[in-house]
């Protein structure tokens, strides 16, 4: 009985420790941002008191520059500013072209 309880406890600990680890951003674990350019808060968004998150997929060249972007979600009033900023970002260099998903949060200033 005690042996069964210890086995169950060990399995529980193993499963919960695996669940506590953060999921990688993508299959290769993601590349770190070396230079991050903050987006310009659009005037229309300021006047409307808009806030929110814009999610963008960036295709990153091996040298770390952004090749292209694609909006995955967010308020259309904020997306242009987010794309403009992410296009200027620089990621760490890597052996291959990768796809990175990033989120930008807009809050009224």
C-alpha atoms as a PDB file:
ATOM      1  CA  UNK A   1       0.000   0.000   0.000  1.00  0.00           C
ATOM      2  CA  UNK A   2       2.758   2.446   0.930  1.00  0.00           C
ATOM      3  CA  UNK A   3       4.699   1.474  -2.172  1.00  0.00           C
ATOM      4  CA  UNK A   4       1.677   2.203  -4.371  1.00  0.00           C
ATOM      5  CA  UNK A   5       1.160   5.604  -2.715  1.00  0.00           C
ATOM      6  CA  UNK A   6       4.856   6.505  -3.235  1.00  0.00           C
ATOM      7  CA  UNK A   7       4.644   5.494  -6.902  1.00  0.00           C
ATOM      8  CA  UNK A   8       1.542   7.620  -7.416  1.00  0.00           C
ATOM      9  CA  UNK A   9       3.206  10.569  -5.660  1.00  0.00           C
ATOM     10  CA  UNK A  10       6.326  10.282  -7.836  1.00  0.00           C
ATOM     11  CA  UNK A  11       4.242  10.128 -11.024  1.00  0.00           C
ATOM     12  CA  UNK A  12       2.250  13.163  -9.881  1.00  0.00           C
ATOM     13  CA  UNK A  13       5.433  15.148  -9.173  1.00  0.00           C
ATOM     14  CA  UNK A  14       6.930  14.211 -12.547  1.00  0.00           C
ATOM     15  CA  UNK A  15       3.789  15.191 -14.466  1.00  0.00           C
ATOM     16  CA  UNK A  16       3.328  18.521 -12.658  1.00  0.00           C
ATOM     17  CA  UNK A  17       6.980  19.485 -13.105  1.00  0.00           C
ATOM     18  CA  UNK A  18       6.709  18.829 -16.850  1.00  0.00           C
ATOM     19  CA  UNK A  19       3.551  20.937 -17.047  1.00  0.00           C
ATOM     20  CA  UNK A  20       5.194  23.852 -15.217  1.00  0.00           C
ATOM     21  CA  UNK A  21       7.828  24.361 -17.912  1.00  0.00           C
ATOM     22  CA  UNK A  22       6.977  27.151 -20.363  1.00  0.00           C
ATOM     23  CA  UNK A  23       6.177  26.071 -23.908  1.00  0.00           C
ATOM     24  CA  UNK A  24       8.666  27.206 -26.547  1.00  0.00           C
ATOM     25  CA  UNK A  25       7.552  29.954 -28.945  1.00  0.00           C
ATOM     26  CA  UNK A  26       8.118  27.648 -31.889  1.00  0.00           C
ATOM     27  CA  UNK A  27       9.666  24.297 -32.748  1.00  0.00           C
ATOM     28  CA  UNK A  28      13.256  25.568 -32.542  1.00  0.00           C
ATOM     29  CA  UNK A  29      12.723  27.340 -29.204  1.00  0.00           C
ATOM     30  CA  UNK A  30      12.580  30.873 -30.619  1.00  0.00           C
ATOM     31  CA  UNK A  31      15.257  33.447 -31.284  1.00  0.00           C
ATOM     32  CA  UNK A  32      15.898  36.266 -28.858  1.00  0.00           C
ATOM     33  CA  UNK A  33      15.278  39.837 -29.909  1.00  0.00           C
ATOM     34  CA  UNK A  34      18.572  41.761 -30.025  1.00  0.00           C
ATOM     35  CA  UNK A  35      17.108  45.165 -30.984  1.00  0.00           C
ATOM     36  CA  UNK A  36      13.473  45.957 -30.226  1.00  0.00           C
ATOM     37  CA  UNK A  37      11.858  49.083 -31.719  1.00  0.00           C
ATOM     38  CA  UNK A  38       8.790  50.292 -29.829  1.00  0.00           C
ATOM     39  CA  UNK A  39       5.709  50.952 -31.967  1.00  0.00           C
ATOM     40  CA  UNK A  40       4.368  54.469 -32.349  1.00  0.00           C
ATOM     41  CA  UNK A  41       0.960  54.710 -30.718  1.00  0.00           C
ATOM     42  CA  UNK A  42      -1.434  55.773 -33.533  1.00  0.00           C
ATOM     43  CA  UNK A  43      -3.175  59.132 -33.062  1.00  0.00           C
ATOM     44  CA  UNK A  44      -6.566  57.604 -33.874  1.00  0.00           C
ATOM     45  CA  UNK A  45      -6.025  54.962 -31.177  1.00  0.00           C
ATOM     46  CA  UNK A  46      -5.105  57.696 -28.685  1.00  0.00           C
ATOM     47  CA  UNK A  47      -8.261  59.647 -29.458  1.00  0.00           C
ATOM     48  CA  UNK A  48     -10.389  56.510 -29.191  1.00  0.00           C
ATOM     49  CA  UNK A  49      -8.558  55.375 -26.024  1.00  0.00           C
ATOM     50  CA  UNK A  50      -7.842  52.039 -27.696  1.00  0.00           C
ATOM     51  CA  UNK A  51      -5.599  49.473 -26.134  1.00  0.00           C
ATOM     52  CA  UNK A  52      -4.879  45.878 -26.952  1.00  0.00           C
ATOM     53  CA  UNK A  53      -2.464  43.269 -28.174  1.00  0.00           C
ATOM     54  CA  UNK A  54      -1.313  42.726 -31.750  1.00  0.00           C
ATOM     55  CA  UNK A  55       0.121  39.326 -32.620  1.00  0.00           C
ATOM     56  CA  UNK A  56       2.553  39.165 -35.552  1.00  0.00           C
ATOM     57  CA  UNK A  57       4.456  36.383 -37.260  1.00  0.00           C
ATOM     58  CA  UNK A  58       7.883  37.556 -38.428  1.00  0.00           C
ATOM     59  CA  UNK A  59      10.030  35.611 -40.882  1.00  0.00           C
ATOM     60  CA  UNK A  60      13.610  36.201 -39.738  1.00  0.00           C
ATOM     61  CA  UNK A  61      16.651  35.826 -41.994  1.00  0.00           C
ATOM     62  CA  UNK A  62      19.743  33.957 -40.731  1.00  0.00           C
ATOM     63  CA  UNK A  63      21.459  37.320 -40.059  1.00  0.00           C
ATOM     64  CA  UNK A  64      18.614  38.327 -37.692  1.00  0.00           C
ATOM     65  CA  UNK A  65      16.848  40.913 -39.861  1.00  0.00           C
ATOM     66  CA  UNK A  66      13.111  40.642 -40.472  1.00  0.00           C
ATOM     67  CA  UNK A  67      12.307  39.470 -43.995  1.00  0.00           C
ATOM     68  CA  UNK A  68       8.517  39.694 -43.811  1.00  0.00           C
ATOM     69  CA  UNK A  69       5.617  39.976 -41.379  1.00  0.00           C
ATOM     70  CA  UNK A  70       2.065  38.716 -41.185  1.00  0.00           C
ATOM     71  CA  UNK A  71      -0.607  39.931 -38.767  1.00  0.00           C
ATOM     72  CA  UNK A  72      -2.130  37.062 -36.790  1.00  0.00           C
ATOM     73  CA  UNK A  73      -4.533  39.130 -34.728  1.00  0.00           C
ATOM     74  CA  UNK A  74      -5.292  42.447 -33.110  1.00  0.00           C
ATOM     75  CA  UNK A  75      -7.222  45.649 -33.567  1.00  0.00           C
ATOM     76  CA  UNK A  76      -6.858  46.929 -37.160  1.00  0.00           C
ATOM     77  CA  UNK A  77      -6.213  50.464 -35.891  1.00  0.00           C
ATOM     78  CA  UNK A  78      -3.073  49.163 -34.126  1.00  0.00           C
ATOM     79  CA  UNK A  79      -1.747  46.608 -36.626  1.00  0.00           C
ATOM     80  CA  UNK A  80       0.030  49.000 -39.025  1.00  0.00           C
ATOM     81  CA  UNK A  81       2.082  50.513 -36.198  1.00  0.00           C
ATOM     82  CA  UNK A  82       2.941  47.046 -34.899  1.00  0.00           C
ATOM     83  CA  UNK A  83       4.068  45.797 -38.318  1.00  0.00           C
ATOM     84  CA  UNK A  84       6.146  48.934 -38.874  1.00  0.00           C
ATOM     85  CA  UNK A  85       7.934  48.429 -35.548  1.00  0.00           C
ATOM     86  CA  UNK A  86       8.559  44.670 -35.897  1.00  0.00           C
ATOM     87  CA  UNK A  87       9.970  45.168 -39.390  1.00  0.00           C
ATOM     88  CA  UNK A  88      12.775  47.212 -37.748  1.00  0.00           C
ATOM     89  CA  UNK A  89      13.573  44.597 -35.080  1.00  0.00           C
ATOM     90  CA  UNK A  90      16.807  42.602 -35.119  1.00  0.00           C
ATOM     91  CA  UNK A  91      16.956  39.061 -33.779  1.00  0.00           C
ATOM     92  CA  UNK A  92      19.986  37.007 -32.802  1.00  0.00           C
ATOM     93  CA  UNK A  93      21.723  35.453 -35.797  1.00  0.00           C
ATOM     94  CA  UNK A  94      20.949  31.804 -36.517  1.00  0.00           C
ATOM     95  CA  UNK A  95      21.840  29.091 -38.987  1.00  0.00           C
ATOM     96  CA  UNK A  96      18.506  29.163 -40.822  1.00  0.00           C
ATOM     97  CA  UNK A  97      15.541  31.374 -41.625  1.00  0.00           C
ATOM     98  CA  UNK A  98      12.942  31.049 -38.879  1.00  0.00           C
ATOM     99  CA  UNK A  99       9.412  32.159 -38.147  1.00  0.00           C
ATOM    100  CA  UNK A 100       8.882  33.965 -34.844  1.00  0.00           C
ATOM    101  CA  UNK A 101       5.550  34.940 -33.313  1.00  0.00           C
ATOM    102  CA  UNK A 102       5.644  38.162 -31.299  1.00  0.00           C
ATOM    103  CA  UNK A 103       3.059  40.164 -29.385  1.00  0.00           C
ATOM    104  CA  UNK A 104       2.998  43.910 -28.941  1.00  0.00           C
ATOM    105  CA  UNK A 105       0.829  45.461 -26.267  1.00  0.00           C
ATOM    106  CA  UNK A 106      -0.590  48.929 -26.802  1.00  0.00           C
ATOM    107  CA  UNK A 107      -1.719  50.903 -23.757  1.00  0.00           C
ATOM    108  CA  UNK A 108      -2.723  54.578 -23.678  1.00  0.00           C
ATOM    109  CA  UNK A 109       0.138  56.872 -22.693  1.00  0.00           C
END
